[in-house]
C-alpha cells in the first residue's frame, strides 16, 4: 500500500536491462 510522487514515466519510454535506475519512486 502506498502512492507514487512526481510520476515521470510516460508511454513510449524504454526500460529494461540496459536502463540504469528506477522509473518511479
PDBML (XML) file of the C-alpha atoms, coordinates in Angstrom:
<?xml version="1.0" encoding="UTF-8" ?>
<PDBx:datablock datablockName="MODEL"
   xmlns:PDBx="http://pdbml.pdb.org/schema/pdbx-v50.xsd"
   xmlns:xsi="http://www.w3.org/2001/XMLSchema-instance"
   xsi:schemaLocation="http://pdbml.pdb.org/schema/pdbx-v50.xsd pdbx-v50.xsd">
   <PDBx:atom_siteCategory>
      <PDBx:atom_site id="1">
         <PDBx:B_iso_or_equiv>0.00</PDBx:B_iso_or_equiv>
         <PDBx:Cartn_x>0.000</PDBx:Cartn_x>
         <PDBx:Cartn_y>0.000</PDBx:Cartn_y>
         <PDBx:Cartn_z>0.000</PDBx:Cartn_z>
         <PDBx:auth_asym_id>A</PDBx:auth_asym_id>
         <PDBx:auth_atom_id>CA</PDBx:auth_atom_id>
         <PDBx:auth_comp_id>UNK</PDBx:auth_comp_id>
         <PDBx:auth_seq_id>1</PDBx:auth_seq_id>
         <PDBx:group_PDB>ATOM</PDBx:group_PDB>
         <PDBx:label_alt_id xsi:nil="true" />
         <PDBx:label_asym_id>A</PDBx:label_asym_id>
         <PDBx:label_atom_id>CA</PDBx:label_atom_id>
         <PDBx:label_comp_id>UNK</PDBx:label_comp_id>
         <PDBx:label_entity_id>1</PDBx:label_entity_id>
         <PDBx:label_seq_id>1</PDBx:label_seq_id>
         <PDBx:occupancy>1.00</PDBx:occupancy>
         <PDBx:pdbx_PDB_model_num>1</PDBx:pdbx_PDB_model_num>
         <PDBx:type_symbol>C</PDBx:type_symbol>
      </PDBx:atom_site>
      <PDBx:atom_site id="2">
         <PDBx:B_iso_or_equiv>0.00</PDBx:B_iso_or_equiv>
         <PDBx:Cartn_x>1.288</PDBx:Cartn_x>
         <PDBx:Cartn_y>3.474</PDBx:Cartn_y>
         <PDBx:Cartn_z>-0.853</PDBx:Cartn_z>
         <PDBx:auth_asym_id>A</PDBx:auth_asym_id>
         <PDBx:auth_atom_id>CA</PDBx:auth_atom_id>
         <PDBx:auth_comp_id>UNK</PDBx:auth_comp_id>
         <PDBx:auth_seq_id>2</PDBx:auth_seq_id>
         <PDBx:group_PDB>ATOM</PDBx:group_PDB>
         <PDBx:label_alt_id xsi:nil="true" />
         <PDBx:label_asym_id>A</PDBx:label_asym_id>
         <PDBx:label_atom_id>CA</PDBx:label_atom_id>
         <PDBx:label_comp_id>UNK</PDBx:label_comp_id>
         <PDBx:label_entity_id>1</PDBx:label_entity_id>
         <PDBx:label_seq_id>2</PDBx:label_seq_id>
         <PDBx:occupancy>1.00</PDBx:occupancy>
         <PDBx:pdbx_PDB_model_num>1</PDBx:pdbx_PDB_model_num>
         <PDBx:type_symbol>C</PDBx:type_symbol>
      </PDBx:atom_site>
      <PDBx:atom_site id="3">
         <PDBx:B_iso_or_equiv>0.00</PDBx:B_iso_or_equiv>
         <PDBx:Cartn_x>1.436</PDBx:Cartn_x>
         <PDBx:Cartn_y>6.066</PDBx:Cartn_y>
         <PDBx:Cartn_z>-3.604</PDBx:Cartn_z>
         <PDBx:auth_asym_id>A</PDBx:auth_asym_id>
         <PDBx:auth_atom_id>CA</PDBx:auth_atom_id>
         <PDBx:auth_comp_id>UNK</PDBx:auth_comp_id>
         <PDBx:auth_seq_id>3</PDBx:auth_seq_id>
         <PDBx:group_PDB>ATOM</PDBx:group_PDB>
         <PDBx:label_alt_id xsi:nil="true" />
         <PDBx:label_asym_id>A</PDBx:label_asym_id>
         <PDBx:label_atom_id>CA</PDBx:label_atom_id>
         <PDBx:label_comp_id>UNK</PDBx:label_comp_id>
         <PDBx:label_entity_id>1</PDBx:label_entity_id>
         <PDBx:label_seq_id>3</PDBx:label_seq_id>
         <PDBx:occupancy>1.00</PDBx:occupancy>
         <PDBx:pdbx_PDB_model_num>1</PDBx:pdbx_PDB_model_num>
         <PDBx:type_symbol>C</PDBx:type_symbol>
      </PDBx:atom_site>
      <PDBx:atom_site id="4">
         <PDBx:B_iso_or_equiv>0.00</PDBx:B_iso_or_equiv>
         <PDBx:Cartn_x>3.774</PDBx:Cartn_x>
         <PDBx:Cartn_y>7.481</PDBx:Cartn_y>
         <PDBx:Cartn_z>-6.234</PDBx:Cartn_z>
         <PDBx:auth_asym_id>A</PDBx:auth_asym_id>
         <PDBx:auth_atom_id>CA</PDBx:auth_atom_id>
         <PDBx:auth_comp_id>UNK</PDBx:auth_comp_id>
         <PDBx:auth_seq_id>4</PDBx:auth_seq_id>
         <PDBx:group_PDB>ATOM</PDBx:group_PDB>
         <PDBx:label_alt_id xsi:nil="true" />
         <PDBx:label_asym_id>A</PDBx:label_asym_id>
         <PDBx:label_atom_id>CA</PDBx:label_atom_id>
         <PDBx:label_comp_id>UNK</PDBx:label_comp_id>
         <PDBx:label_entity_id>1</PDBx:label_entity_id>
         <PDBx:label_seq_id>4</PDBx:label_seq_id>
         <PDBx:occupancy>1.00</PDBx:occupancy>
         <PDBx:pdbx_PDB_model_num>1</PDBx:pdbx_PDB_model_num>
         <PDBx:type_symbol>C</PDBx:type_symbol>
      </PDBx:atom_site>
      <PDBx:atom_site id="5">
         <PDBx:B_iso_or_equiv>0.00</PDBx:B_iso_or_equiv>
         <PDBx:Cartn_x>5.073</PDBx:Cartn_x>
         <PDBx:Cartn_y>11.053</PDBx:Cartn_y>
         <PDBx:Cartn_z>-6.068</PDBx:Cartn_z>
         <PDBx:auth_asym_id>A</PDBx:auth_asym_id>
         <PDBx:auth_atom_id>CA</PDBx:auth_atom_id>
         <PDBx:auth_comp_id>UNK</PDBx:auth_comp_id>
         <PDBx:auth_seq_id>5</PDBx:auth_seq_id>
         <PDBx:group_PDB>ATOM</PDBx:group_PDB>
         <PDBx:label_alt_id xsi:nil="true" />
         <PDBx:label_asym_id>A</PDBx:label_asym_id>
         <PDBx:label_atom_id>CA</PDBx:label_atom_id>
         <PDBx:label_comp_id>UNK</PDBx:label_comp_id>
         <PDBx:label_entity_id>1</PDBx:label_entity_id>
         <PDBx:label_seq_id>5</PDBx:label_seq_id>
         <PDBx:occupancy>1.00</PDBx:occupancy>
         <PDBx:pdbx_PDB_model_num>1</PDBx:pdbx_PDB_model_num>
         <PDBx:type_symbol>C</PDBx:type_symbol>
      </PDBx:atom_site>
      <PDBx:atom_site id="6">
         <PDBx:B_iso_or_equiv>0.00</PDBx:B_iso_or_equiv>
         <PDBx:Cartn_x>6.424</PDBx:Cartn_x>
         <PDBx:Cartn_y>13.016</PDBx:Cartn_y>
         <PDBx:Cartn_z>-9.034</PDBx:Cartn_z>
         <PDBx:auth_asym_id>A</PDBx:auth_asym_id>
         <PDBx:auth_atom_id>CA</PDBx:auth_atom_id>
         <PDBx:auth_comp_id>UNK</PDBx:auth_comp_id>
         <PDBx:auth_seq_id>6</PDBx:auth_seq_id>
         <PDBx:group_PDB>ATOM</PDBx:group_PDB>
         <PDBx:label_alt_id xsi:nil="true" />
         <PDBx:label_asym_id>A</PDBx:label_asym_id>
         <PDBx:label_atom_id>CA</PDBx:label_atom_id>
         <PDBx:label_comp_id>UNK</PDBx:label_comp_id>
         <PDBx:label_entity_id>1</PDBx:label_entity_id>
         <PDBx:label_seq_id>6</PDBx:label_seq_id>
         <PDBx:occupancy>1.00</PDBx:occupancy>
         <PDBx:pdbx_PDB_model_num>1</PDBx:pdbx_PDB_model_num>
         <PDBx:type_symbol>C</PDBx:type_symbol>
      </PDBx:atom_site>
      <PDBx:atom_site id="7">
         <PDBx:B_iso_or_equiv>0.00</PDBx:B_iso_or_equiv>
         <PDBx:Cartn_x>5.395</PDBx:Cartn_x>
         <PDBx:Cartn_y>10.457</PDBx:Cartn_y>
         <PDBx:Cartn_z>-11.638</PDBx:Cartn_z>
         <PDBx:auth_asym_id>A</PDBx:auth_asym_id>
         <PDBx:auth_atom_id>CA</PDBx:auth_atom_id>
         <PDBx:auth_comp_id>UNK</PDBx:auth_comp_id>
         <PDBx:auth_seq_id>7</PDBx:auth_seq_id>
         <PDBx:group_PDB>ATOM</PDBx:group_PDB>
         <PDBx:label_alt_id xsi:nil="true" />
         <PDBx:label_asym_id>A</PDBx:label_asym_id>
         <PDBx:label_atom_id>CA</PDBx:label_atom_id>
         <PDBx:label_comp_id>UNK</PDBx:label_comp_id>
         <PDBx:label_entity_id>1</PDBx:label_entity_id>
         <PDBx:label_seq_id>7</PDBx:label_seq_id>
         <PDBx:occupancy>1.00</PDBx:occupancy>
         <PDBx:pdbx_PDB_model_num>1</PDBx:pdbx_PDB_model_num>
         <PDBx:type_symbol>C</PDBx:type_symbol>
      </PDBx:atom_site>
      <PDBx:atom_site id="8">
         <PDBx:B_iso_or_equiv>0.00</PDBx:B_iso_or_equiv>
         <PDBx:Cartn_x>7.568</PDBx:Cartn_x>
         <PDBx:Cartn_y>10.991</PDBx:Cartn_y>
         <PDBx:Cartn_z>-14.729</PDBx:Cartn_z>
         <PDBx:auth_asym_id>A</PDBx:auth_asym_id>
         <PDBx:auth_atom_id>CA</PDBx:auth_atom_id>
         <PDBx:auth_comp_id>UNK</PDBx:auth_comp_id>
         <PDBx:auth_seq_id>8</PDBx:auth_seq_id>
         <PDBx:group_PDB>ATOM</PDBx:group_PDB>
         <PDBx:label_alt_id xsi:nil="true" />
         <PDBx:label_asym_id>A</PDBx:label_asym_id>
         <PDBx:label_atom_id>CA</PDBx:label_atom_id>
         <PDBx:label_comp_id>UNK</PDBx:label_comp_id>
         <PDBx:label_entity_id>1</PDBx:label_entity_id>
         <PDBx:label_seq_id>8</PDBx:label_seq_id>
         <PDBx:occupancy>1.00</PDBx:occupancy>
         <PDBx:pdbx_PDB_model_num>1</PDBx:pdbx_PDB_model_num>
         <PDBx:type_symbol>C</PDBx:type_symbol>
      </PDBx:atom_site>
      <PDBx:atom_site id="9">
         <PDBx:B_iso_or_equiv>0.00</PDBx:B_iso_or_equiv>
         <PDBx:Cartn_x>7.123</PDBx:Cartn_x>
         <PDBx:Cartn_y>7.696</PDBx:Cartn_y>
         <PDBx:Cartn_z>-16.571</PDBx:Cartn_z>
         <PDBx:auth_asym_id>A</PDBx:auth_asym_id>
         <PDBx:auth_atom_id>CA</PDBx:auth_atom_id>
         <PDBx:auth_comp_id>UNK</PDBx:auth_comp_id>
         <PDBx:auth_seq_id>9</PDBx:auth_seq_id>
         <PDBx:group_PDB>ATOM</PDBx:group_PDB>
         <PDBx:label_alt_id xsi:nil="true" />
         <PDBx:label_asym_id>A</PDBx:label_asym_id>
         <PDBx:label_atom_id>CA</PDBx:label_atom_id>
         <PDBx:label_comp_id>UNK</PDBx:label_comp_id>
         <PDBx:label_entity_id>1</PDBx:label_entity_id>
         <PDBx:label_seq_id>9</PDBx:label_seq_id>
         <PDBx:occupancy>1.00</PDBx:occupancy>
         <PDBx:pdbx_PDB_model_num>1</PDBx:pdbx_PDB_model_num>
         <PDBx:type_symbol>C</PDBx:type_symbol>
      </PDBx:atom_site>
      <PDBx:atom_site id="10">
         <PDBx:B_iso_or_equiv>0.00</PDBx:B_iso_or_equiv>
         <PDBx:Cartn_x>5.178</PDBx:Cartn_x>
         <PDBx:Cartn_y>8.051</PDBx:Cartn_y>
         <PDBx:Cartn_z>-19.841</PDBx:Cartn_z>
         <PDBx:auth_asym_id>A</PDBx:auth_asym_id>
         <PDBx:auth_atom_id>CA</PDBx:auth_atom_id>
         <PDBx:auth_comp_id>UNK</PDBx:auth_comp_id>
         <PDBx:auth_seq_id>10</PDBx:auth_seq_id>
         <PDBx:group_PDB>ATOM</PDBx:group_PDB>
         <PDBx:label_alt_id xsi:nil="true" />
         <PDBx:label_asym_id>A</PDBx:label_asym_id>
         <PDBx:label_atom_id>CA</PDBx:label_atom_id>
         <PDBx:label_comp_id>UNK</PDBx:label_comp_id>
         <PDBx:label_entity_id>1</PDBx:label_entity_id>
         <PDBx:label_seq_id>10</PDBx:label_seq_id>
         <PDBx:occupancy>1.00</PDBx:occupancy>
         <PDBx:pdbx_PDB_model_num>1</PDBx:pdbx_PDB_model_num>
         <PDBx:type_symbol>C</PDBx:type_symbol>
      </PDBx:atom_site>
      <PDBx:atom_site id="11">
         <PDBx:B_iso_or_equiv>0.00</PDBx:B_iso_or_equiv>
         <PDBx:Cartn_x>4.092</PDBx:Cartn_x>
         <PDBx:Cartn_y>5.606</PDBx:Cartn_y>
         <PDBx:Cartn_z>-22.554</PDBx:Cartn_z>
         <PDBx:auth_asym_id>A</PDBx:auth_asym_id>
         <PDBx:auth_atom_id>CA</PDBx:auth_atom_id>
         <PDBx:auth_comp_id>UNK</PDBx:auth_comp_id>
         <PDBx:auth_seq_id>11</PDBx:auth_seq_id>
         <PDBx:group_PDB>ATOM</PDBx:group_PDB>
         <PDBx:label_alt_id xsi:nil="true" />
         <PDBx:label_asym_id>A</PDBx:label_asym_id>
         <PDBx:label_atom_id>CA</PDBx:label_atom_id>
         <PDBx:label_comp_id>UNK</PDBx:label_comp_id>
         <PDBx:label_entity_id>1</PDBx:label_entity_id>
         <PDBx:label_seq_id>11</PDBx:label_seq_id>
         <PDBx:occupancy>1.00</PDBx:occupancy>
         <PDBx:pdbx_PDB_model_num>1</PDBx:pdbx_PDB_model_num>
         <PDBx:type_symbol>C</PDBx:type_symbol>
      </PDBx:atom_site>
      <PDBx:atom_site id="12">
         <PDBx:B_iso_or_equiv>0.00</PDBx:B_iso_or_equiv>
         <PDBx:Cartn_x>6.771</PDBx:Cartn_x>
         <PDBx:Cartn_y>5.364</PDBx:Cartn_y>
         <PDBx:Cartn_z>-25.214</PDBx:Cartn_z>
         <PDBx:auth_asym_id>A</PDBx:auth_asym_id>
         <PDBx:auth_atom_id>CA</PDBx:auth_atom_id>
         <PDBx:auth_comp_id>UNK</PDBx:auth_comp_id>
         <PDBx:auth_seq_id>12</PDBx:auth_seq_id>
         <PDBx:group_PDB>ATOM</PDBx:group_PDB>
         <PDBx:label_alt_id xsi:nil="true" />
         <PDBx:label_asym_id>A</PDBx:label_asym_id>
         <PDBx:label_atom_id>CA</PDBx:label_atom_id>
         <PDBx:label_comp_id>UNK</PDBx:label_comp_id>
         <PDBx:label_entity_id>1</PDBx:label_entity_id>
         <PDBx:label_seq_id>12</PDBx:label_seq_id>
         <PDBx:occupancy>1.00</PDBx:occupancy>
         <PDBx:pdbx_PDB_model_num>1</PDBx:pdbx_PDB_model_num>
         <PDBx:type_symbol>C</PDBx:type_symbol>
      </PDBx:atom_site>
      <PDBx:atom_site id="13">
         <PDBx:B_iso_or_equiv>0.00</PDBx:B_iso_or_equiv>
         <PDBx:Cartn_x>9.772</PDBx:Cartn_x>
         <PDBx:Cartn_y>5.326</PDBx:Cartn_y>
         <PDBx:Cartn_z>-22.896</PDBx:Cartn_z>
         <PDBx:auth_asym_id>A</PDBx:auth_asym_id>
         <PDBx:auth_atom_id>CA</PDBx:auth_atom_id>
         <PDBx:auth_comp_id>UNK</PDBx:auth_comp_id>
         <PDBx:auth_seq_id>13</PDBx:auth_seq_id>
         <PDBx:group_PDB>ATOM</PDBx:group_PDB>
         <PDBx:label_alt_id xsi:nil="true" />
         <PDBx:label_asym_id>A</PDBx:label_asym_id>
         <PDBx:label_atom_id>CA</PDBx:label_atom_id>
         <PDBx:label_comp_id>UNK</PDBx:label_comp_id>
         <PDBx:label_entity_id>1</PDBx:label_entity_id>
         <PDBx:label_seq_id>13</PDBx:label_seq_id>
         <PDBx:occupancy>1.00</PDBx:occupancy>
         <PDBx:pdbx_PDB_model_num>1</PDBx:pdbx_PDB_model_num>
         <PDBx:type_symbol>C</PDBx:type_symbol>
      </PDBx:atom_site>
      <PDBx:atom_site id="14">
         <PDBx:B_iso_or_equiv>0.00</PDBx:B_iso_or_equiv>
         <PDBx:Cartn_x>12.025</PDBx:Cartn_x>
         <PDBx:Cartn_y>2.272</PDBx:Cartn_y>
         <PDBx:Cartn_z>-22.925</PDBx:Cartn_z>
         <PDBx:auth_asym_id>A</PDBx:auth_asym_id>
         <PDBx:auth_atom_id>CA</PDBx:auth_atom_id>
         <PDBx:auth_comp_id>UNK</PDBx:auth_comp_id>
         <PDBx:auth_seq_id>14</PDBx:auth_seq_id>
         <PDBx:group_PDB>ATOM</PDBx:group_PDB>
         <PDBx:label_alt_id xsi:nil="true" />
         <PDBx:label_asym_id>A</PDBx:label_asym_id>
         <PDBx:label_atom_id>CA</PDBx:label_atom_id>
         <PDBx:label_comp_id>UNK</PDBx:label_comp_id>
         <PDBx:label_entity_id>1</PDBx:label_entity_id>
         <PDBx:label_seq_id>14</PDBx:label_seq_id>
         <PDBx:occupancy>1.00</PDBx:occupancy>
         <PDBx:pdbx_PDB_model_num>1</PDBx:pdbx_PDB_model_num>
         <PDBx:type_symbol>C</PDBx:type_symbol>
      </PDBx:atom_site>
      <PDBx:atom_site id="15">
         <PDBx:B_iso_or_equiv>0.00</PDBx:B_iso_or_equiv>
         <PDBx:Cartn_x>13.038</PDBx:Cartn_x>
         <PDBx:Cartn_y>0.454</PDBx:Cartn_y>
         <PDBx:Cartn_z>-19.756</PDBx:Cartn_z>
         <PDBx:auth_asym_id>A</PDBx:auth_asym_id>
         <PDBx:auth_atom_id>CA</PDBx:auth_atom_id>
         <PDBx:auth_comp_id>UNK</PDBx:auth_comp_id>
         <PDBx:auth_seq_id>15</PDBx:auth_seq_id>
         <PDBx:group_PDB>ATOM</PDBx:group_PDB>
         <PDBx:label_alt_id xsi:nil="true" />
         <PDBx:label_asym_id>A</PDBx:label_asym_id>
         <PDBx:label_atom_id>CA</PDBx:label_atom_id>
         <PDBx:label_comp_id>UNK</PDBx:label_comp_id>
         <PDBx:label_entity_id>1</PDBx:label_entity_id>
         <PDBx:label_seq_id>15</PDBx:label_seq_id>
         <PDBx:occupancy>1.00</PDBx:occupancy>
         <PDBx:pdbx_PDB_model_num>1</PDBx:pdbx_PDB_model_num>
         <PDBx:type_symbol>C</PDBx:type_symbol>
      </PDBx:atom_site>
      <PDBx:atom_site id="16">
         <PDBx:B_iso_or_equiv>0.00</PDBx:B_iso_or_equiv>
         <PDBx:Cartn_x>14.648</PDBx:Cartn_x>
         <PDBx:Cartn_y>-2.853</PDBx:Cartn_y>
         <PDBx:Cartn_z>-19.004</PDBx:Cartn_z>
         <PDBx:auth_asym_id>A</PDBx:auth_asym_id>
         <PDBx:auth_atom_id>CA</PDBx:auth_atom_id>
         <PDBx:auth_comp_id>UNK</PDBx:auth_comp_id>
         <PDBx:auth_seq_id>16</PDBx:auth_seq_id>
         <PDBx:group_PDB>ATOM</PDBx:group_PDB>
         <PDBx:label_alt_id xsi:nil="true" />
         <PDBx:label_asym_id>A</PDBx:label_asym_id>
         <PDBx:label_atom_id>CA</PDBx:label_atom_id>
         <PDBx:label_comp_id>UNK</PDBx:label_comp_id>
         <PDBx:label_entity_id>1</PDBx:label_entity_id>
         <PDBx:label_seq_id>16</PDBx:label_seq_id>
         <PDBx:occupancy>1.00</PDBx:occupancy>
         <PDBx:pdbx_PDB_model_num>1</PDBx:pdbx_PDB_model_num>
         <PDBx:type_symbol>C</PDBx:type_symbol>
      </PDBx:atom_site>
      <PDBx:atom_site id="17">
         <PDBx:B_iso_or_equiv>0.00</PDBx:B_iso_or_equiv>
         <PDBx:Cartn_x>18.047</PDBx:Cartn_x>
         <PDBx:Cartn_y>-4.490</PDBx:Cartn_y>
         <PDBx:Cartn_z>-18.863</PDBx:Cartn_z>
         <PDBx:auth_asym_id>A</PDBx:auth_asym_id>
         <PDBx:auth_atom_id>CA</PDBx:auth_atom_id>
         <PDBx:auth_comp_id>UNK</PDBx:auth_comp_id>
         <PDBx:auth_seq_id>17</PDBx:auth_seq_id>
         <PDBx:group_PDB>ATOM</PDBx:group_PDB>
         <PDBx:label_alt_id xsi:nil="true" />
         <PDBx:label_asym_id>A</PDBx:label_asym_id>
         <PDBx:label_atom_id>CA</PDBx:label_atom_id>
         <PDBx:label_comp_id>UNK</PDBx:label_comp_id>
         <PDBx:label_entity_id>1</PDBx:label_entity_id>
         <PDBx:label_seq_id>17</PDBx:label_seq_id>
         <PDBx:occupancy>1.00</PDBx:occupancy>
         <PDBx:pdbx_PDB_model_num>1</PDBx:pdbx_PDB_model_num>
         <PDBx:type_symbol>C</PDBx:type_symbol>
      </PDBx:atom_site>
      <PDBx:atom_site id="18">
         <PDBx:B_iso_or_equiv>0.00</PDBx:B_iso_or_equiv>
         <PDBx:Cartn_x>20.075</PDBx:Cartn_x>
         <PDBx:Cartn_y>-1.562</PDBx:Cartn_y>
         <PDBx:Cartn_z>-20.214</PDBx:Cartn_z>
         <PDBx:auth_asym_id>A</PDBx:auth_asym_id>
         <PDBx:auth_atom_id>CA</PDBx:auth_atom_id>
         <PDBx:auth_comp_id>UNK</PDBx:auth_comp_id>
         <PDBx:auth_seq_id>18</PDBx:auth_seq_id>
         <PDBx:group_PDB>ATOM</PDBx:group_PDB>
         <PDBx:label_alt_id xsi:nil="true" />
         <PDBx:label_asym_id>A</PDBx:label_asym_id>
         <PDBx:label_atom_id>CA</PDBx:label_atom_id>
         <PDBx:label_comp_id>UNK</PDBx:label_comp_id>
         <PDBx:label_entity_id>1</PDBx:label_entity_id>
         <PDBx:label_seq_id>18</PDBx:label_seq_id>
         <PDBx:occupancy>1.00</PDBx:occupancy>
         <PDBx:pdbx_PDB_model_num>1</PDBx:pdbx_PDB_model_num>
         <PDBx:type_symbol>C</PDBx:type_symbol>
      </PDBx:atom_site>
      <PDBx:atom_site id="19">
         <PDBx:B_iso_or_equiv>0.00</PDBx:B_iso_or_equiv>
         <PDBx:Cartn_x>18.286</PDBx:Cartn_x>
         <PDBx:Cartn_y>1.266</PDBx:Cartn_y>
         <PDBx:Cartn_z>-18.387</PDBx:Cartn_z>
         <PDBx:auth_asym_id>A</PDBx:auth_asym_id>
         <PDBx:auth_atom_id>CA</PDBx:auth_atom_id>
         <PDBx:auth_comp_id>UNK</PDBx:auth_comp_id>
         <PDBx:auth_seq_id>19</PDBx:auth_seq_id>
         <PDBx:group_PDB>ATOM</PDBx:group_PDB>
         <PDBx:label_alt_id xsi:nil="true" />
         <PDBx:label_asym_id>A</PDBx:label_asym_id>
         <PDBx:label_atom_id>CA</PDBx:label_atom_id>
         <PDBx:label_comp_id>UNK</PDBx:label_comp_id>
         <PDBx:label_entity_id>1</PDBx:label_entity_id>
         <PDBx:label_seq_id>19</PDBx:label_seq_id>
         <PDBx:occupancy>1.00</PDBx:occupancy>
         <PDBx:pdbx_PDB_model_num>1</PDBx:pdbx_PDB_model_num>
         <PDBx:type_symbol>C</PDBx:type_symbol>
      </PDBx:atom_site>
      <PDBx:atom_site id="20">
         <PDBx:B_iso_or_equiv>0.00</PDBx:B_iso_or_equiv>
         <PDBx:Cartn_x>20.091</PDBx:Cartn_x>
         <PDBx:Cartn_y>2.373</PDBx:Cartn_y>
         <PDBx:Cartn_z>-15.224</PDBx:Cartn_z>
         <PDBx:auth_asym_id>A</PDBx:auth_asym_id>
         <PDBx:auth_atom_id>CA</PDBx:auth_atom_id>
         <PDBx:auth_comp_id>UNK</PDBx:auth_comp_id>
         <PDBx:auth_seq_id>20</PDBx:auth_seq_id>
         <PDBx:group_PDB>ATOM</PDBx:group_PDB>
         <PDBx:label_alt_id xsi:nil="true" />
         <PDBx:label_asym_id>A</PDBx:label_asym_id>
         <PDBx:label_atom_id>CA</PDBx:label_atom_id>
         <PDBx:label_comp_id>UNK</PDBx:label_comp_id>
         <PDBx:label_entity_id>1</PDBx:label_entity_id>
         <PDBx:label_seq_id>20</PDBx:label_seq_id>
         <PDBx:occupancy>1.00</PDBx:occupancy>
         <PDBx:pdbx_PDB_model_num>1</PDBx:pdbx_PDB_model_num>
         <PDBx:type_symbol>C</PDBx:type_symbol>
      </PDBx:atom_site>
      <PDBx:atom_site id="21">
         <PDBx:B_iso_or_equiv>0.00</PDBx:B_iso_or_equiv>
         <PDBx:Cartn_x>17.917</PDBx:Cartn_x>
         <PDBx:Cartn_y>3.384</PDBx:Cartn_y>
         <PDBx:Cartn_z>-12.282</PDBx:Cartn_z>
         <PDBx:auth_asym_id>A</PDBx:auth_asym_id>
         <PDBx:auth_atom_id>CA</PDBx:auth_atom_id>
         <PDBx:auth_comp_id>UNK</PDBx:auth_comp_id>
         <PDBx:auth_seq_id>21</PDBx:auth_seq_id>
         <PDBx:group_PDB>ATOM</PDBx:group_PDB>
         <PDBx:label_alt_id xsi:nil="true" />
         <PDBx:label_asym_id>A</PDBx:label_asym_id>
         <PDBx:label_atom_id>CA</PDBx:label_atom_id>
         <PDBx:label_comp_id>UNK</PDBx:label_comp_id>
         <PDBx:label_entity_id>1</PDBx:label_entity_id>
         <PDBx:label_seq_id>21</PDBx:label_seq_id>
         <PDBx:occupancy>1.00</PDBx:occupancy>
         <PDBx:pdbx_PDB_model_num>1</PDBx:pdbx_PDB_model_num>
         <PDBx:type_symbol>C</PDBx:type_symbol>
      </PDBx:atom_site>
      <PDBx:atom_site id="22">
         <PDBx:B_iso_or_equiv>0.00</PDBx:B_iso_or_equiv>
         <PDBx:Cartn_x>14.247</PDBx:Cartn_x>
         <PDBx:Cartn_y>3.221</PDBx:Cartn_y>
         <PDBx:Cartn_z>-11.437</PDBx:Cartn_z>
         <PDBx:auth_asym_id>A</PDBx:auth_asym_id>
         <PDBx:auth_atom_id>CA</PDBx:auth_atom_id>
         <PDBx:auth_comp_id>UNK</PDBx:auth_comp_id>
         <PDBx:auth_seq_id>22</PDBx:auth_seq_id>
         <PDBx:group_PDB>ATOM</PDBx:group_PDB>
         <PDBx:label_alt_id xsi:nil="true" />
         <PDBx:label_asym_id>A</PDBx:label_asym_id>
         <PDBx:label_atom_id>CA</PDBx:label_atom_id>
         <PDBx:label_comp_id>UNK</PDBx:label_comp_id>
         <PDBx:label_entity_id>1</PDBx:label_entity_id>
         <PDBx:label_seq_id>22</PDBx:label_seq_id>
         <PDBx:occupancy>1.00</PDBx:occupancy>
         <PDBx:pdbx_PDB_model_num>1</PDBx:pdbx_PDB_model_num>
         <PDBx:type_symbol>C</PDBx:type_symbol>
      </PDBx:atom_site>
      <PDBx:atom_site id="23">
         <PDBx:B_iso_or_equiv>0.00</PDBx:B_iso_or_equiv>
         <PDBx:Cartn_x>11.356</PDBx:Cartn_x>
         <PDBx:Cartn_y>4.635</PDBx:Cartn_y>
         <PDBx:Cartn_z>-13.435</PDBx:Cartn_z>
         <PDBx:auth_asym_id>A</PDBx:auth_asym_id>
         <PDBx:auth_atom_id>CA</PDBx:auth_atom_id>
         <PDBx:auth_comp_id>UNK</PDBx:auth_comp_id>
         <PDBx:auth_seq_id>23</PDBx:auth_seq_id>
         <PDBx:group_PDB>ATOM</PDBx:group_PDB>
         <PDBx:label_alt_id xsi:nil="true" />
         <PDBx:label_asym_id>A</PDBx:label_asym_id>
         <PDBx:label_atom_id>CA</PDBx:label_atom_id>
         <PDBx:label_comp_id>UNK</PDBx:label_comp_id>
         <PDBx:label_entity_id>1</PDBx:label_entity_id>
         <PDBx:label_seq_id>23</PDBx:label_seq_id>
         <PDBx:occupancy>1.00</PDBx:occupancy>
         <PDBx:pdbx_PDB_model_num>1</PDBx:pdbx_PDB_model_num>
         <PDBx:type_symbol>C</PDBx:type_symbol>
      </PDBx:atom_site>
      <PDBx:atom_site id="24">
         <PDBx:B_iso_or_equiv>0.00</PDBx:B_iso_or_equiv>
         <PDBx:Cartn_x>9.470</PDBx:Cartn_x>
         <PDBx:Cartn_y>5.854</PDBx:Cartn_y>
         <PDBx:Cartn_z>-10.340</PDBx:Cartn_z>
         <PDBx:auth_asym_id>A</PDBx:auth_asym_id>
         <PDBx:auth_atom_id>CA</PDBx:auth_atom_id>
         <PDBx:auth_comp_id>UNK</PDBx:auth_comp_id>
         <PDBx:auth_seq_id>24</PDBx:auth_seq_id>
         <PDBx:group_PDB>ATOM</PDBx:group_PDB>
         <PDBx:label_alt_id xsi:nil="true" />
         <PDBx:label_asym_id>A</PDBx:label_asym_id>
         <PDBx:label_atom_id>CA</PDBx:label_atom_id>
         <PDBx:label_comp_id>UNK</PDBx:label_comp_id>
         <PDBx:label_entity_id>1</PDBx:label_entity_id>
         <PDBx:label_seq_id>24</PDBx:label_seq_id>
         <PDBx:occupancy>1.00</PDBx:occupancy>
         <PDBx:pdbx_PDB_model_num>1</PDBx:pdbx_PDB_model_num>
         <PDBx:type_symbol>C</PDBx:type_symbol>
      </PDBx:atom_site>
      <PDBx:atom_site id="25">
         <PDBx:B_iso_or_equiv>0.00</PDBx:B_iso_or_equiv>
         <PDBx:Cartn_x>9.666</PDBx:Cartn_x>
         <PDBx:Cartn_y>6.046</PDBx:Cartn_y>
         <PDBx:Cartn_z>-6.549</PDBx:Cartn_z>
         <PDBx:auth_asym_id>A</PDBx:auth_asym_id>
         <PDBx:auth_atom_id>CA</PDBx:auth_atom_id>
         <PDBx:auth_comp_id>UNK</PDBx:auth_comp_id>
         <PDBx:auth_seq_id>25</PDBx:auth_seq_id>
         <PDBx:group_PDB>ATOM</PDBx:group_PDB>
         <PDBx:label_alt_id xsi:nil="true" />
         <PDBx:label_asym_id>A</PDBx:label_asym_id>
         <PDBx:label_atom_id>CA</PDBx:label_atom_id>
         <PDBx:label_comp_id>UNK</PDBx:label_comp_id>
         <PDBx:label_entity_id>1</PDBx:label_entity_id>
         <PDBx:label_seq_id>25</PDBx:label_seq_id>
         <PDBx:occupancy>1.00</PDBx:occupancy>
         <PDBx:pdbx_PDB_model_num>1</PDBx:pdbx_PDB_model_num>
         <PDBx:type_symbol>C</PDBx:type_symbol>
      </PDBx:atom_site>
   </PDBx:atom_siteCategory>
</PDBx:datablock>
